[in-house]
Each structure stands twice: as C-alpha cells, then as structure tokens.
Amino acid sequence: TGGTMEAAVDLVKRLGGEIFGLAFLVELLDLKGRD
C-alpha cells in the first residue's frame, strides 16, 4: 500500500536527505502503493 515507505520518506526528508530512489524486491500492483 506504500504506507511504510511513505513514513520512511518522511523521516529521510526531516533529516535533510536527498531521496534518489526507492527500491523493492516485490511490488503488489493491485494495492497501488506507487500512487
């Protein structure tokens, strides 16, 4: 669903990191986490 990664992105942004990319082994397309 993307919720966990969305929270991780929030943490990295608060620390001032520049997010270059998000990498996953598996993606469940029907759950639309990419959105």
PDB file of all heavy atoms in Angstrom:
ATOM      1  N   THR A   1       0.823  -1.226   0.000  1.00  0.00           N
ATOM      2  CA  THR A   1       0.000   0.000   0.000  1.00  0.00           C
ATOM      3  C   THR A   1       0.846   1.261   0.000  1.00  0.00           C
ATOM      4  O   THR A   1       0.338   2.346  -0.245  1.00  0.00           O
ATOM      5  CB  THR A   1      -0.932   0.039   1.219  1.00  0.00           C
ATOM      6  OG1 THR A   1      -0.134   0.123   2.407  1.00  0.00           O
ATOM      7  CG2 THR A   1      -1.836  -1.179   1.261  1.00  0.00           C
ATOM      8  N   GLY A   2       2.127   1.153   0.321  1.00  0.00           N
ATOM      9  CA  GLY A   2       3.035   2.295   0.303  1.00  0.00           C
ATOM     10  C   GLY A   2       3.135   3.059   1.603  1.00  0.00           C
ATOM     11  O   GLY A   2       3.938   3.982   1.723  1.00  0.00           O
ATOM     12  N   GLY A   3       2.333   2.702   2.599  1.00  0.00           N
ATOM     13  CA  GLY A   3       2.316   3.439   3.856  1.00  0.00           C
ATOM     14  C   GLY A   3       3.626   3.430   4.611  1.00  0.00           C
ATOM     15  O   GLY A   3       4.066   4.468   5.112  1.00  0.00           O
ATOM     16  N   THR A   4       4.260   2.277   4.698  1.00  0.00           N
ATOM     17  CA  THR A   4       5.525   2.178   5.430  1.00  0.00           C
ATOM     18  C   THR A   4       6.606   3.001   4.750  1.00  0.00           C
ATOM     19  O   THR A   4       7.330   3.764   5.391  1.00  0.00           O
ATOM     20  CB  THR A   4       5.980   0.708   5.552  1.00  0.00           C
ATOM     21  OG1 THR A   4       4.909  -0.069   6.087  1.00  0.00           O
ATOM     22  CG2 THR A   4       7.196   0.584   6.442  1.00  0.00           C
ATOM     23  N   MET A   5       6.706   2.872   3.431  1.00  0.00           N
ATOM     24  CA  MET A   5       7.726   3.632   2.707  1.00  0.00           C
ATOM     25  C   MET A   5       7.428   5.130   2.755  1.00  0.00           C
ATOM     26  O   MET A   5       8.347   5.938   2.847  1.00  0.00           O
ATOM     27  CB  MET A   5       7.857   3.139   1.272  1.00  0.00           C
ATOM     28  CG  MET A   5       8.981   3.798   0.505  1.00  0.00           C
ATOM     29  SD  MET A   5      10.644   3.650   1.264  1.00  0.00           S
ATOM     30  CE  MET A   5      11.064   1.966   0.838  1.00  0.00           C
ATOM     31  N   GLU A   6       6.165   5.496   2.711  1.00  0.00           N
ATOM     32  CA  GLU A   6       5.797   6.908   2.814  1.00  0.00           C
ATOM     33  C   GLU A   6       6.287   7.485   4.150  1.00  0.00           C
ATOM     34  O   GLU A   6       6.815   8.600   4.197  1.00  0.00           O
ATOM     35  CB  GLU A   6       4.287   7.054   2.682  1.00  0.00           C
ATOM     36  CG  GLU A   6       3.795   8.480   2.645  1.00  0.00           C
ATOM     37  CD  GLU A   6       2.296   8.556   2.477  1.00  0.00           C
ATOM     38  OE1 GLU A   6       1.549   7.757   3.094  1.00  0.00           O
ATOM     39  OE2 GLU A   6       1.850   9.448   1.724  1.00  0.00           O
ATOM     40  N   ALA A   7       6.164   6.713   5.230  1.00  0.00           N
ATOM     41  CA  ALA A   7       6.654   7.151   6.537  1.00  0.00           C
ATOM     42  C   ALA A   7       8.179   7.238   6.544  1.00  0.00           C
ATOM     43  O   ALA A   7       8.762   8.152   7.134  1.00  0.00           O
ATOM     44  CB  ALA A   7       6.164   6.205   7.633  1.00  0.00           C
ATOM     45  N   ALA A   8       8.847   6.295   5.876  1.00  0.00           N
ATOM     46  CA  ALA A   8      10.311   6.317   5.798  1.00  0.00           C
ATOM     47  C   ALA A   8      10.784   7.529   4.998  1.00  0.00           C
ATOM     48  O   ALA A   8      11.769   8.188   5.371  1.00  0.00           O
ATOM     49  CB  ALA A   8      10.818   5.020   5.160  1.00  0.00           C
ATOM     50  N   VAL A   9      10.095   7.844   3.914  1.00  0.00           N
ATOM     51  CA  VAL A   9      10.412   9.035   3.115  1.00  0.00           C
ATOM     52  C   VAL A   9      10.303  10.281   3.987  1.00  0.00           C
ATOM     53  O   VAL A   9      11.166  11.168   3.945  1.00  0.00           O
ATOM     54  CB  VAL A   9       9.485   9.121   1.878  1.00  0.00           C
ATOM     55  CG1 VAL A   9       9.487  10.510   1.271  1.00  0.00           C
ATOM     56  CG2 VAL A   9       9.884   8.077   0.839  1.00  0.00           C
ATOM     57  N   ASP A  10       9.248  10.346   4.794  1.00  0.00           N
ATOM     58  CA  ASP A  10       9.057  11.477   5.709  1.00  0.00           C
ATOM     59  C   ASP A  10      10.264  11.630   6.637  1.00  0.00           C
ATOM     60  O   ASP A  10      10.764  12.743   6.841  1.00  0.00           O
ATOM     61  CB  ASP A  10       7.770  11.275   6.524  1.00  0.00           C
ATOM     62  CG  ASP A  10       7.611  12.313   7.621  1.00  0.00           C
ATOM     63  OD1 ASP A  10       7.503  13.516   7.302  1.00  0.00           O
ATOM     64  OD2 ASP A  10       7.598  11.915   8.807  1.00  0.00           O
ATOM     65  N   LEU A  11      10.754  10.526   7.183  1.00  0.00           N
ATOM     66  CA  LEU A  11      11.909  10.581   8.095  1.00  0.00           C
ATOM     67  C   LEU A  11      13.157  11.083   7.373  1.00  0.00           C
ATOM     68  O   LEU A  11      13.883  11.941   7.892  1.00  0.00           O
ATOM     69  CB  LEU A  11      12.163   9.206   8.712  1.00  0.00           C
ATOM     70  CG  LEU A  11      11.106   8.705   9.694  1.00  0.00           C
ATOM     71  CD1 LEU A  11      11.384   7.269  10.088  1.00  0.00           C
ATOM     72  CD2 LEU A  11      11.051   9.608  10.921  1.00  0.00           C
ATOM     73  N   VAL A  12      13.418  10.568   6.187  1.00  0.00           N
ATOM     74  CA  VAL A  12      14.606  10.987   5.430  1.00  0.00           C
ATOM     75  C   VAL A  12      14.530  12.472   5.089  1.00  0.00           C
ATOM     76  O   VAL A  12      15.524  13.198   5.199  1.00  0.00           O
ATOM     77  CB  VAL A  12      14.784  10.119   4.164  1.00  0.00           C
ATOM     78  CG1 VAL A  12      15.871  10.687   3.254  1.00  0.00           C
ATOM     79  CG2 VAL A  12      15.115   8.678   4.547  1.00  0.00           C
ATOM     80  N   LYS A  13      13.357  12.931   4.709  1.00  0.00           N
ATOM     81  CA  LYS A  13      13.184  14.353   4.386  1.00  0.00           C
ATOM     82  C   LYS A  13      13.405  15.225   5.624  1.00  0.00           C
ATOM     83  O   LYS A  13      14.014  16.291   5.526  1.00  0.00           O
ATOM     84  CB  LYS A  13      11.801  14.582   3.788  1.00  0.00           C
ATOM     85  CG  LYS A  13      11.698  14.063   2.353  1.00  0.00           C
ATOM     86  CD  LYS A  13      10.305  14.014   1.823  1.00  0.00           C
ATOM     87  CE  LYS A  13       9.721  15.372   1.584  1.00  0.00           C
ATOM     88  NZ  LYS A  13       8.387  15.308   0.960  1.00  0.00           N
ATOM     89  N   ARG A  14      12.932  14.779   6.784  1.00  0.00           N
ATOM     90  CA  ARG A  14      13.148  15.550   8.013  1.00  0.00           C
ATOM     91  C   ARG A  14      14.628  15.668   8.350  1.00  0.00           C
ATOM     92  O   ARG A  14      15.055  16.655   8.931  1.00  0.00           O
ATOM     93  CB  ARG A  14      12.410  14.915   9.189  1.00  0.00           C
ATOM     94  CG  ARG A  14      10.957  15.299   9.213  1.00  0.00           C
ATOM     95  CD  ARG A  14      10.380  15.099  10.582  1.00  0.00           C
ATOM     96  NE  ARG A  14       9.689  13.834  10.619  1.00  0.00           N
ATOM     97  CZ  ARG A  14       9.247  13.254  11.713  1.00  0.00           C
ATOM     98  NH1 ARG A  14       9.436  13.800  12.886  1.00  0.00           N
ATOM     99  NH2 ARG A  14       8.616  12.109  11.657  1.00  0.00           N
ATOM    100  N   LEU A  15      15.399  14.649   7.965  1.00  0.00           N
ATOM    101  CA  LEU A  15      16.839  14.669   8.217  1.00  0.00           C
ATOM    102  C   LEU A  15      17.594  15.473   7.163  1.00  0.00           C
ATOM    103  O   LEU A  15      18.793  15.691   7.291  1.00  0.00           O
ATOM    104  CB  LEU A  15      17.392  13.240   8.260  1.00  0.00           C
ATOM    105  CG  LEU A  15      16.922  12.399   9.446  1.00  0.00           C
ATOM    106  CD1 LEU A  15      17.336  10.948   9.259  1.00  0.00           C
ATOM    107  CD2 LEU A  15      17.469  12.948  10.745  1.00  0.00           C
ATOM    108  N   GLY A  16      16.914  15.883   6.110  1.00  0.00           N
ATOM    109  CA  GLY A  16      17.552  16.678   5.069  1.00  0.00           C
ATOM    110  C   GLY A  16      18.184  15.865   3.962  1.00  0.00           C
ATOM    111  O   GLY A  16      18.935  16.403   3.145  1.00  0.00           O
ATOM    112  N   GLY A  17      17.897  14.561   3.916  1.00  0.00           N
ATOM    113  CA  GLY A  17      18.445  13.720   2.859  1.00  0.00           C
ATOM    114  C   GLY A  17      17.788  13.983   1.524  1.00  0.00           C
ATOM    115  O   GLY A  17      16.623  14.370   1.450  1.00  0.00           O
ATOM    116  N   GLU A  18      18.558  13.790   0.449  1.00  0.00           N
ATOM    117  CA  GLU A  18      18.048  13.911  -0.920  1.00  0.00           C
ATOM    118  C   GLU A  18      17.676  12.512  -1.393  1.00  0.00           C
ATOM    119  O   GLU A  18      18.544  11.652  -1.565  1.00  0.00           O
ATOM    120  CB  GLU A  18      19.124  14.494  -1.832  1.00  0.00           C
ATOM    121  CG  GLU A  18      18.735  14.551  -3.282  1.00  0.00           C
ATOM    122  CD  GLU A  18      19.917  14.782  -4.200  1.00  0.00           C
ATOM    123  OE1 GLU A  18      20.880  15.450  -3.789  1.00  0.00           O
ATOM    124  OE2 GLU A  18      19.881  14.264  -5.334  1.00  0.00           O
ATOM    125  N   ILE A  19      16.403  12.259  -1.591  1.00  0.00           N
ATOM    126  CA  ILE A  19      15.940  10.925  -1.968  1.00  0.00           C
ATOM    127  C   ILE A  19      16.175  10.715  -3.457  1.00  0.00           C
ATOM    128  O   ILE A  19      15.579  11.383  -4.296  1.00  0.00           O
ATOM    129  CB  ILE A  19      14.465  10.727  -1.595  1.00  0.00           C
ATOM    130  CG1 ILE A  19      14.312  10.862  -0.078  1.00  0.00           C
ATOM    131  CG2 ILE A  19      13.963   9.370  -2.091  1.00  0.00           C
ATOM    132  CD1 ILE A  19      12.896  10.926   0.412  1.00  0.00           C
ATOM    133  N   PHE A  20      17.066   9.770  -3.767  1.00  0.00           N
ATOM    134  CA  PHE A  20      17.406   9.474  -5.156  1.00  0.00           C
ATOM    135  C   PHE A  20      16.484   8.410  -5.740  1.00  0.00           C
ATOM    136  O   PHE A  20      16.188   8.420  -6.925  1.00  0.00           O
ATOM    137  CB  PHE A  20      18.861   9.016  -5.257  1.00  0.00           C
ATOM    138  CG  PHE A  20      19.331   8.883  -6.667  1.00  0.00           C
ATOM    139  CD1 PHE A  20      19.673  10.004  -7.410  1.00  0.00           C
ATOM    140  CD2 PHE A  20      19.409   7.642  -7.277  1.00  0.00           C
ATOM    141  CE1 PHE A  20      20.097   9.893  -8.725  1.00  0.00           C
ATOM    142  CE2 PHE A  20      19.831   7.510  -8.593  1.00  0.00           C
ATOM    143  CZ  PHE A  20      20.172   8.642  -9.316  1.00  0.00           C
ATOM    144  N   GLY A  21      16.050   7.465  -4.891  1.00  0.00           N
ATOM    145  CA  GLY A  21      15.187   6.407  -5.392  1.00  0.00           C
ATOM    146  C   GLY A  21      14.670   5.513  -4.294  1.00  0.00           C
ATOM    147  O   GLY A  21      15.139   5.565  -3.147  1.00  0.00           O
ATOM    148  N   LEU A  22      13.687   4.698  -4.667  1.00  0.00           N
ATOM    149  CA  LEU A  22      13.083   3.709  -3.783  1.00  0.00           C
ATOM    150  C   LEU A  22      13.189   2.363  -4.483  1.00  0.00           C
ATOM    151  O   LEU A  22      12.762   2.233  -5.637  1.00  0.00           O
ATOM    152  CB  LEU A  22      11.607   4.036  -3.524  1.00  0.00           C
ATOM    153  CG  LEU A  22      11.250   5.479  -3.164  1.00  0.00           C
ATOM    154  CD1 LEU A  22       9.737   5.640  -3.037  1.00  0.00           C
ATOM    155  CD2 LEU A  22      11.944   5.911  -1.893  1.00  0.00           C
ATOM    156  N   ALA A  23      13.751   1.375  -3.792  1.00  0.00           N
ATOM    157  CA  ALA A  23      13.982   0.065  -4.406  1.00  0.00           C
ATOM    158  C   ALA A  23      13.282  -1.027  -3.610  1.00  0.00           C
ATOM    159  O   ALA A  23      13.371  -1.060  -2.377  1.00  0.00           O
ATOM    160  CB  ALA A  23      15.476  -0.225  -4.484  1.00  0.00           C
ATOM    161  N   PHE A  24      12.618  -1.919  -4.334  1.00  0.00           N
ATOM    162  CA  PHE A  24      11.881  -3.029  -3.729  1.00  0.00           C
ATOM    163  C   PHE A  24      12.172  -4.310  -4.498  1.00  0.00           C
ATOM    164  O   PHE A  24      12.368  -4.265  -5.721  1.00  0.00           O
ATOM    165  CB  PHE A  24      10.367  -2.781  -3.806  1.00  0.00           C
ATOM    166  CG  PHE A  24       9.927  -1.501  -3.166  1.00  0.00           C
ATOM    167  CD1 PHE A  24       9.852  -0.334  -3.912  1.00  0.00           C
ATOM    168  CD2 PHE A  24       9.580  -1.455  -1.833  1.00  0.00           C
ATOM    169  CE1 PHE A  24       9.436   0.856  -3.347  1.00  0.00           C
ATOM    170  CE2 PHE A  24       9.161  -0.270  -1.245  1.00  0.00           C
ATOM    171  CZ  PHE A  24       9.099   0.885  -1.999  1.00  0.00           C
ATOM    172  N   LEU A  25      12.135  -5.433  -3.802  1.00  0.00           N
ATOM    173  CA  LEU A  25      12.216  -6.715  -4.492  1.00  0.00           C
ATOM    174  C   LEU A  25      10.881  -7.007  -5.171  1.00  0.00           C
ATOM    175  O   LEU A  25      10.834  -7.307  -6.353  1.00  0.00           O
ATOM    176  CB  LEU A  25      12.569  -7.845  -3.516  1.00  0.00           C
ATOM    177  CG  LEU A  25      12.518  -9.256  -4.110  1.00  0.00           C
ATOM    178  CD1 LEU A  25      13.506  -9.414  -5.254  1.00  0.00           C
ATOM    179  CD2 LEU A  25      12.749 -10.298  -3.033  1.00  0.00           C
ATOM    180  N   VAL A  26       9.774  -6.891  -4.415  1.00  0.00           N
ATOM    181  CA  VAL A  26       8.448  -7.261  -4.900  1.00  0.00           C
ATOM    182  C   VAL A  26       7.505  -6.067  -4.801  1.00  0.00           C
ATOM    183  O   VAL A  26       7.549  -5.315  -3.823  1.00  0.00           O
ATOM    184  CB  VAL A  26       7.875  -8.447  -4.078  1.00  0.00           C
ATOM    185  CG1 VAL A  26       6.432  -8.741  -4.453  1.00  0.00           C
ATOM    186  CG2 VAL A  26       8.740  -9.694  -4.241  1.00  0.00           C
ATOM    187  N   GLU A  27       6.635  -5.935  -5.807  1.00  0.00           N
ATOM    188  CA  GLU A  27       5.589  -4.916  -5.781  1.00  0.00           C
ATOM    189  C   GLU A  27       4.245  -5.583  -6.082  1.00  0.00           C
ATOM    190  O   GLU A  27       4.120  -6.316  -7.056  1.00  0.00           O
ATOM    191  CB  GLU A  27       5.866  -3.841  -6.828  1.00  0.00           C
ATOM    192  CG  GLU A  27       4.819  -2.753  -6.868  1.00  0.00           C
ATOM    193  CD  GLU A  27       5.118  -1.644  -7.872  1.00  0.00           C
ATOM    194  OE1 GLU A  27       6.164  -1.723  -8.568  1.00  0.00           O
ATOM    195  OE2 GLU A  27       4.312  -0.708  -7.962  1.00  0.00           O
ATOM    196  N   LEU A  28       3.260  -5.320  -5.225  1.00  0.00           N
ATOM    197  CA  LEU A  28       1.896  -5.804  -5.438  1.00  0.00           C
ATOM    198  C   LEU A  28       1.110  -4.687  -6.127  1.00  0.00           C
ATOM    199  O   LEU A  28       0.647  -3.749  -5.485  1.00  0.00           O
ATOM    200  CB  LEU A  28       1.258  -6.199  -4.105  1.00  0.00           C
ATOM    201  CG  LEU A  28       2.031  -7.242  -3.289  1.00  0.00           C
ATOM    202  CD1 LEU A  28       1.328  -7.525  -1.968  1.00  0.00           C
ATOM    203  CD2 LEU A  28       2.240  -8.520  -4.084  1.00  0.00           C
ATOM    204  N   LEU A  29       0.999  -4.776  -7.436  1.00  0.00           N
ATOM    205  CA  LEU A  29       0.459  -3.685  -8.249  1.00  0.00           C
ATOM    206  C   LEU A  29      -0.977  -3.309  -7.891  1.00  0.00           C
ATOM    207  O   LEU A  29      -1.329  -2.123  -7.903  1.00  0.00           O
ATOM    208  CB  LEU A  29       0.553  -4.045  -9.730  1.00  0.00           C
ATOM    209  CG  LEU A  29       1.975  -4.244 -10.272  1.00  0.00           C
ATOM    210  CD1 LEU A  29       1.941  -4.816 -11.676  1.00  0.00           C
ATOM    211  CD2 LEU A  29       2.740  -2.938 -10.237  1.00  0.00           C
ATOM    212  N   ASP A  30      -1.811  -4.281  -7.565  1.00  0.00           N
ATOM    213  CA  ASP A  30      -3.220  -4.004  -7.270  1.00  0.00           C
ATOM    214  C   ASP A  30      -3.411  -3.122  -6.037  1.00  0.00           C
ATOM    215  O   ASP A  30      -4.450  -2.490  -5.883  1.00  0.00           O
ATOM    216  CB  ASP A  30      -4.005  -5.306  -7.083  1.00  0.00           C
ATOM    217  CG  ASP A  30      -4.224  -6.048  -8.392  1.00  0.00           C
ATOM    218  OD1 ASP A  30      -4.010  -5.441  -9.463  1.00  0.00           O
ATOM    219  OD2 ASP A  30      -4.599  -7.233  -8.340  1.00  0.00           O
ATOM    220  N   LEU A  31      -2.423  -3.076  -5.151  1.00  0.00           N
ATOM    221  CA  LEU A  31      -2.552  -2.282  -3.924  1.00  0.00           C
ATOM    222  C   LEU A  31      -2.149  -0.826  -4.126  1.00  0.00           C
ATOM    223  O   LEU A  31      -2.286  -0.012  -3.225  1.00  0.00           O
ATOM    224  CB  LEU A  31      -1.767  -2.931  -2.786  1.00  0.00           C
ATOM    225  CG  LEU A  31      -2.289  -4.316  -2.394  1.00  0.00           C
ATOM    226  CD1 LEU A  31      -1.450  -4.913  -1.274  1.00  0.00           C
ATOM    227  CD2 LEU A  31      -3.756  -4.274  -1.997  1.00  0.00           C
ATOM    228  N   LYS A  32      -1.611  -0.499  -5.285  1.00  0.00           N
ATOM    229  CA  LYS A  32      -1.349   0.878  -5.720  1.00  0.00           C
ATOM    230  C   LYS A  32      -0.466   1.702  -4.771  1.00  0.00           C
ATOM    231  O   LYS A  32      -0.659   2.902  -4.602  1.00  0.00           O
ATOM    232  CB  LYS A  32      -2.670   1.609  -5.975  1.00  0.00           C
ATOM    233  CG  LYS A  32      -3.524   0.922  -7.035  1.00  0.00           C
ATOM    234  CD  LYS A  32      -4.725   1.735  -7.406  1.00  0.00           C
ATOM    235  CE  LYS A  32      -5.639   1.059  -8.381  1.00  0.00           C
ATOM    236  NZ  LYS A  32      -5.087   0.429  -9.529  1.00  0.00           N
ATOM    237  N   GLY A  33       0.513   1.051  -4.168  1.00  0.00           N
ATOM    238  CA  GLY A  33       1.451   1.756  -3.297  1.00  0.00           C
ATOM    239  C   GLY A  33       2.232   2.833  -4.020  1.00  0.00           C
ATOM    240  O   GLY A  33       2.610   3.847  -3.435  1.00  0.00           O
ATOM    241  N   ARG A  34       2.453   2.635  -5.293  1.00  0.00           N
ATOM    242  CA  ARG A  34       3.162   3.599  -6.131  1.00  0.00           C
ATOM    243  C   ARG A  34       2.483   4.971  -6.123  1.00  0.00           C
ATOM    244  O   ARG A  34       3.140   5.993  -6.224  1.00  0.00           O
ATOM    245  CB  ARG A  34       3.188   3.057  -7.559  1.00  0.00           C
ATOM    246  CG  ARG A  34       4.462   3.208  -8.266  1.00  0.00           C
ATOM    247  CD  ARG A  34       4.360   2.467  -9.601  1.00  0.00           C
ATOM    248  NE  ARG A  34       5.278   1.364  -9.652  1.00  0.00           N
ATOM    249  CZ  ARG A  34       6.525   1.477 -10.091  1.00  0.00           C
ATOM    250  NH1 ARG A  34       6.979   2.627 -10.504  1.00  0.00           N
ATOM    251  NH2 ARG A  34       7.309   0.433 -10.100  1.00  0.00           N
ATOM    252  N   ASP A  35       1.156   4.959  -5.984  1.00  0.00           N
ATOM    253  CA  ASP A  35       0.400   6.219  -6.003  1.00  0.00           C
ATOM    254  C   ASP A  35       0.798   7.147  -4.860  1.00  0.00           C
ATOM    255  O   ASP A  35       0.819   8.361  -5.028  1.00  0.00           O
ATOM    256  CB  ASP A  35      -1.106   5.946  -5.948  1.00  0.00           C
ATOM    257  CG  ASP A  35      -1.631   5.256  -7.203  1.00  0.00           C
ATOM    258  OD1 ASP A  35      -0.869   5.124  -8.189  1.00  0.00           O
ATOM    259  OD2 ASP A  35      -2.802   4.832  -7.189  1.00  0.00           O
TER     260      ASP A  35
END
